[in-house]
Amino acid sequence: MNDLFSLDGKVVLISGAAGLIGQSVTTACLEAGARVACCDLDESKMSDNQSNRDSATRARCLSVQLDITSGESIAEALKTIVDHWRVPDCLIHLAAIDAKFDASLDLAKATSFESFDIEQWNNSLSVNMTGTFLLTQAVVRAMLEADGGNIILVPSTYALVAPNQSLYLDEADRQVAFKPVDYVASKSFLPNFSRYLATLYGQRGIRVNCLVPHGVRNNHPANFEQRFNAMSPLGRMCDVDELRGPFVFLASDASSYMTGSTLVVDGGWTAW
């Protein structure tokens, strides 16, 4: 069983590696024996993360700047990884944006559907949809030449169910914001995109699955966490390290007969 879950000798490309989930998943893949290409737009944050690793681990960790909206940046990043190691065996695609809004705005108005800004919509789709297309297209081309590979895409539970907007209330039950439509739309694209790729390339040795996290604790306001806990079947938010096992499972040979699937790690959020 240990061999099934091992990533020993595998090359894993993680996009969005400097983010909260990316840092944890990077550590998990390294602990499972992988060589990890940590790709992110934020070079300084990647450098800080690297400095916290021991010398043995750093030898199996390559930091590469990557802008997923740029075909040129993607090509350069892949060339760097291939020259350093080889074509990645696995892509874990975490890079995305969850739009942040100026706190000086009326957030309920700015995030509501009827007044949502078209530039914000276009920006989110450029990263979360077009960026995903560009990166996976380039990786698929490389994996076809290498006779196979494994791709893990990361939607949200909001690709499966609508947001419960009562999460975004204040202490007086006033709607202070909405989960905006750009995030929901762009994340909803991923499950069917993964099924498209899985069925197109399954017989050519490429597996494609989704992992859906939800409610990852990240210094949320206390009232938000209290409301979340009341709505969650497990009664709490997710600790980011609880995602390590599911990601390693999908990246490893333990999931070798899975493709086109969606693994939901949401504390039961979508169960009711």
Protein backbone atom coordinates (compact mmCIF):
# COMPACT_ATOMS: atom_id res chain seq x y z
CA MET A 1 0.00 0.00 0.00
CA ASN A 2 2.83 2.42 0.73
CA ASP A 3 4.14 1.90 -2.80
CA LEU A 4 0.72 2.70 -4.27
CA PHE A 5 0.62 6.09 -2.56
CA SER A 6 4.28 6.87 -3.19
CA LEU A 7 5.28 9.67 -5.56
CA ASP A 8 8.90 8.55 -5.52
CA GLY A 9 10.57 9.48 -8.82
CA LYS A 10 7.57 11.41 -10.14
CA VAL A 11 7.84 15.01 -11.36
CA VAL A 12 4.90 17.12 -10.20
CA LEU A 13 4.15 20.60 -11.52
CA ILE A 14 2.07 22.67 -9.09
CA SER A 15 0.64 25.93 -10.38
CA GLY A 16 -0.33 28.44 -7.71
CA ALA A 17 2.30 26.83 -5.48
CA ALA A 18 2.78 29.96 -3.37
CA GLY A 19 -0.84 29.99 -2.20
CA LEU A 20 -2.24 28.53 0.99
CA ILE A 21 -3.25 25.19 -0.54
CA GLY A 22 -0.26 25.20 -2.89
CA GLN A 23 2.25 25.39 -0.06
CA SER A 24 0.62 22.51 1.82
CA VAL A 25 0.29 20.32 -1.28
CA THR A 26 3.91 21.03 -2.22
CA THR A 27 5.01 19.76 1.19
CA ALA A 28 2.81 16.68 0.85
CA CYS A 29 4.20 15.79 -2.59
CA LEU A 30 7.78 16.26 -1.39
CA GLU A 31 7.12 14.05 1.64
CA ALA A 32 5.68 11.41 -0.72
CA GLY A 33 8.97 11.43 -2.67
CA ALA A 34 8.17 13.63 -5.66
CA ARG A 35 10.30 16.22 -7.38
CA VAL A 36 8.15 19.33 -7.40
CA ALA A 37 8.18 22.27 -9.79
CA CYS A 38 6.67 25.08 -7.72
CA CYS A 39 5.15 27.48 -10.22
CA ASP A 40 3.60 30.81 -9.32
CA LEU A 41 3.45 34.42 -10.44
CA ASP A 42 4.78 35.59 -7.06
CA GLU A 43 8.54 34.97 -7.16
CA SER A 44 9.28 36.51 -3.77
CA LYS A 45 6.77 34.33 -1.96
CA MET A 46 8.17 31.20 -3.62
CA SER A 47 11.66 32.23 -2.53
CA ASP A 48 10.47 32.66 1.06
CA ASN A 49 8.84 29.22 1.00
CA GLN A 50 12.02 27.63 -0.34
CA SER A 51 14.18 29.18 2.35
CA ASN A 52 12.11 27.38 5.00
CA ARG A 53 12.91 23.93 3.59
CA ASP A 54 15.90 21.79 4.52
CA SER A 55 18.69 21.29 1.97
CA ALA A 56 17.64 17.75 1.04
CA THR A 57 14.09 18.85 0.29
CA ARG A 58 15.20 21.97 -1.60
CA ALA A 59 17.13 19.71 -3.98
CA ARG A 60 13.81 18.20 -5.07
CA CYS A 61 12.00 21.51 -5.34
CA LEU A 62 12.36 23.85 -8.32
CA SER A 63 10.87 27.37 -8.22
CA VAL A 64 9.62 28.63 -11.59
CA GLN A 65 7.80 31.89 -12.26
CA LEU A 66 4.61 31.26 -14.20
CA ASP A 67 1.88 33.49 -15.59
CA ILE A 68 -0.87 31.13 -16.75
CA THR A 69 -2.46 33.83 -18.92
CA SER A 70 0.68 34.00 -21.07
CA GLY A 71 1.49 31.28 -23.58
CA GLU A 72 5.09 32.49 -23.68
CA SER A 73 5.44 32.25 -19.89
CA ILE A 74 3.95 28.74 -19.91
CA ALA A 75 6.33 27.59 -22.66
CA GLU A 76 9.34 29.01 -20.79
CA ALA A 77 8.26 27.38 -17.52
CA LEU A 78 7.78 23.98 -19.13
CA LYS A 79 11.13 24.22 -20.88
CA THR A 80 12.81 25.02 -17.56
CA ILE A 81 11.20 21.99 -15.91
CA VAL A 82 11.96 19.63 -18.80
CA ASP A 83 15.57 20.80 -19.01
CA HIS A 84 15.99 20.41 -15.25
CA TRP A 85 14.18 17.07 -14.93
CA ARG A 86 11.77 15.93 -17.67
CA VAL A 87 8.14 16.33 -18.75
CA PRO A 88 5.98 16.44 -15.60
CA ASP A 89 4.22 13.20 -14.69
CA CYS A 90 1.51 15.18 -12.94
CA LEU A 91 0.03 18.69 -13.09
CA ILE A 92 -1.79 19.96 -10.00
CA HIS A 93 -3.45 23.14 -11.24
CA LEU A 94 -4.27 25.46 -8.35
CA ALA A 95 -3.57 28.87 -9.90
CA ALA A 96 -6.73 31.00 -9.95
CA ILE A 97 -8.12 34.26 -8.69
CA ASP A 98 -10.95 34.83 -6.25
CA ALA A 99 -11.67 38.49 -6.82
CA LYS A 100 -11.00 40.92 -3.98
CA PHE A 101 -12.91 44.16 -3.78
CA ASP A 102 -11.93 47.56 -2.39
CA ALA A 103 -13.23 47.70 1.18
CA SER A 104 -14.25 51.32 0.61
CA LEU A 105 -16.90 50.17 -1.85
CA ASP A 106 -20.46 49.18 -1.07
CA LEU A 107 -19.59 45.47 -1.27
CA ALA A 108 -23.17 44.28 -1.41
CA LYS A 109 -23.68 46.41 -4.52
CA ALA A 110 -20.25 45.67 -6.08
CA THR A 111 -20.65 41.91 -5.72
CA SER A 112 -24.32 41.66 -6.65
CA PHE A 113 -25.19 40.14 -10.01
CA GLU A 114 -27.27 43.07 -11.25
CA SER A 115 -24.41 45.56 -10.85
CA PHE A 116 -21.39 43.32 -11.38
CA ASP A 117 -18.59 44.97 -13.35
CA ILE A 118 -17.81 43.52 -16.79
CA GLU A 119 -14.07 44.19 -16.41
CA GLN A 120 -13.99 42.11 -13.23
CA TRP A 121 -15.90 39.36 -15.06
CA ASN A 122 -13.45 39.40 -17.97
CA ASN A 123 -10.42 39.39 -15.66
CA SER A 124 -11.64 36.36 -13.73
CA LEU A 125 -12.46 34.42 -16.88
CA SER A 126 -9.08 35.35 -18.37
CA VAL A 127 -7.27 33.70 -15.45
CA ASN A 128 -9.61 30.94 -14.29
CA MET A 129 -10.80 29.74 -17.69
CA THR A 130 -8.45 30.94 -20.44
CA GLY A 131 -5.39 30.49 -18.21
CA THR A 132 -6.51 26.95 -17.39
CA PHE A 133 -7.00 26.23 -21.09
CA LEU A 134 -3.55 27.55 -22.02
CA LEU A 135 -1.71 25.70 -19.26
CA THR A 136 -3.46 22.36 -19.70
CA GLN A 137 -3.12 22.55 -23.48
CA ALA A 138 0.64 22.99 -23.20
CA VAL A 139 0.95 20.26 -20.57
CA VAL A 140 -1.18 17.85 -22.62
CA ARG A 141 1.07 18.39 -25.65
CA ALA A 142 4.13 17.57 -23.53
CA MET A 143 2.46 14.55 -21.91
CA LEU A 144 1.45 13.13 -25.29
CA GLU A 145 5.09 13.17 -26.34
CA ALA A 146 5.98 11.49 -23.03
CA ASP A 147 3.29 8.81 -23.51
CA GLY A 148 1.07 9.84 -20.64
CA GLY A 149 0.51 11.82 -17.51
CA ASN A 150 -1.91 12.88 -14.83
CA ILE A 151 -3.78 16.18 -14.48
CA ILE A 152 -5.61 17.36 -11.36
CA LEU A 153 -7.86 20.41 -11.67
CA VAL A 154 -9.27 22.22 -8.65
CA PRO A 155 -12.80 23.67 -8.88
CA SER A 156 -14.88 24.79 -5.91
CA THR A 157 -18.05 23.42 -4.35
CA TYR A 158 -19.57 26.38 -6.18
CA ALA A 159 -19.01 24.35 -9.33
CA LEU A 160 -21.44 21.82 -7.84
CA VAL A 161 -23.94 23.90 -5.87
CA ALA A 162 -24.87 27.59 -5.65
CA PRO A 163 -23.32 29.69 -2.89
CA ASN A 164 -25.34 30.04 0.29
CA GLN A 165 -25.32 33.82 0.35
CA SER A 166 -26.35 33.91 4.01
CA LEU A 167 -22.70 33.16 4.77
CA TYR A 168 -21.93 36.75 3.84
CA LEU A 169 -23.95 38.53 6.51
CA ASP A 170 -22.83 40.72 9.39
CA GLU A 171 -23.80 40.38 13.05
CA ALA A 172 -27.09 42.14 12.34
CA ASP A 173 -27.93 39.70 9.51
CA ARG A 174 -27.33 42.42 6.93
CA GLN A 175 -26.05 41.31 3.51
CA VAL A 176 -22.59 42.88 3.39
CA ALA A 177 -21.48 41.03 0.24
CA PHE A 178 -22.39 38.25 -2.16
CA LYS A 179 -20.18 35.45 -3.45
CA PRO A 180 -19.79 36.97 -6.92
CA VAL A 181 -20.86 35.41 -10.18
CA ASP A 182 -17.41 35.52 -11.84
CA TYR A 183 -15.94 33.00 -9.40
CA VAL A 184 -18.94 30.67 -9.62
CA ALA A 185 -19.01 30.75 -13.42
CA SER A 186 -15.27 30.28 -13.92
CA LYS A 187 -14.99 27.44 -11.39
CA SER A 188 -18.08 25.70 -12.82
CA PHE A 189 -16.20 25.26 -16.08
CA LEU A 190 -13.63 22.89 -14.58
CA PRO A 191 -15.53 19.63 -13.88
CA ASN A 192 -16.85 19.28 -17.41
CA PHE A 193 -13.54 20.48 -18.88
CA SER A 194 -11.84 17.66 -16.96
CA ARG A 195 -14.36 15.14 -18.29
CA TYR A 196 -13.76 16.44 -21.81
CA LEU A 197 -10.00 15.93 -21.49
CA ALA A 198 -10.37 12.61 -19.67
CA THR A 199 -12.48 11.05 -22.39
CA LEU A 200 -10.42 12.59 -25.20
CA TYR A 201 -7.02 11.41 -23.94
CA GLY A 202 -7.74 8.40 -21.71
CA GLN A 203 -6.57 5.88 -24.28
CA ARG A 204 -3.42 7.90 -24.83
CA GLY A 205 -2.33 7.53 -21.23
CA ILE A 206 -3.48 10.83 -19.73
CA ARG A 207 -5.76 10.82 -16.68
CA VAL A 208 -7.69 13.96 -15.69
CA ASN A 209 -9.60 14.38 -12.42
CA CYS A 210 -10.92 17.17 -10.21
CA LEU A 211 -10.44 17.69 -6.50
CA VAL A 212 -13.00 19.98 -4.89
CA PRO A 213 -12.04 21.56 -1.55
CA HIS A 214 -14.28 23.85 0.46
CA GLY A 215 -14.13 26.05 3.51
CA VAL A 216 -10.37 26.06 4.03
CA ARG A 217 -9.61 28.03 7.19
CA ASN A 218 -7.58 31.13 6.41
CA ASN A 219 -7.95 33.82 9.07
CA HIS A 220 -11.65 34.29 8.39
CA PRO A 221 -13.64 36.67 10.61
CA ALA A 222 -15.05 34.92 13.66
CA ASN A 223 -18.67 35.57 12.69
CA PHE A 224 -18.07 34.10 9.22
CA GLU A 225 -16.56 30.95 10.71
CA GLN A 226 -19.44 30.60 13.15
CA ARG A 227 -21.98 30.77 10.32
CA PHE A 228 -19.95 28.31 8.26
CA ASN A 229 -19.73 25.86 11.15
CA ALA A 230 -23.50 25.98 11.61
CA MET A 231 -24.02 25.10 7.93
CA SER A 232 -21.41 22.34 7.70
CA PRO A 233 -22.31 18.70 8.44
CA LEU A 234 -18.93 18.32 10.18
CA GLY A 235 -19.53 21.55 12.07
CA ARG A 236 -16.19 23.15 11.21
CA MET A 237 -13.95 24.53 8.49
CA CYS A 238 -11.19 22.55 6.78
CA ASP A 239 -7.60 22.63 7.96
CA VAL A 240 -5.46 23.04 4.84
CA ASP A 241 -3.33 20.00 5.71
CA GLU A 242 -6.46 17.81 5.48
CA LEU A 243 -6.18 18.20 1.71
CA ARG A 244 -2.74 16.58 1.55
CA GLY A 245 -3.96 12.98 1.51
CA PRO A 246 -6.58 13.49 -1.22
CA PHE A 247 -4.11 15.31 -3.48
CA VAL A 248 -1.41 12.66 -3.02
CA PHE A 249 -4.02 9.96 -3.70
CA LEU A 250 -4.99 11.51 -7.05
CA ALA A 251 -1.36 12.18 -7.98
CA SER A 252 -0.29 8.62 -7.16
CA ASP A 253 -0.85 5.21 -8.70
CA ALA A 254 -3.41 4.51 -5.96
CA SER A 255 -5.94 6.31 -8.22
CA SER A 256 -4.77 4.65 -11.45
CA TYR A 257 -8.29 3.62 -12.53
CA MET A 258 -9.79 7.06 -11.93
CA THR A 259 -10.31 9.56 -14.72
CA GLY A 260 -13.05 12.07 -15.41
CA SER A 261 -13.96 11.95 -11.73
CA THR A 262 -14.59 14.63 -9.13
CA LEU A 263 -13.28 13.96 -5.62
CA VAL A 264 -15.16 16.19 -3.17
CA VAL A 265 -13.45 17.16 0.10
CA ASP A 266 -15.98 19.56 1.59
CA GLY A 267 -16.91 18.30 5.05
CA GLY A 268 -20.29 17.27 3.65
CA TRP A 269 -21.22 20.76 2.44
CA THR A 270 -22.77 19.47 -0.81
CA ALA A 271 -24.52 16.55 0.92
CA TRP A 272 -27.53 18.70 1.85
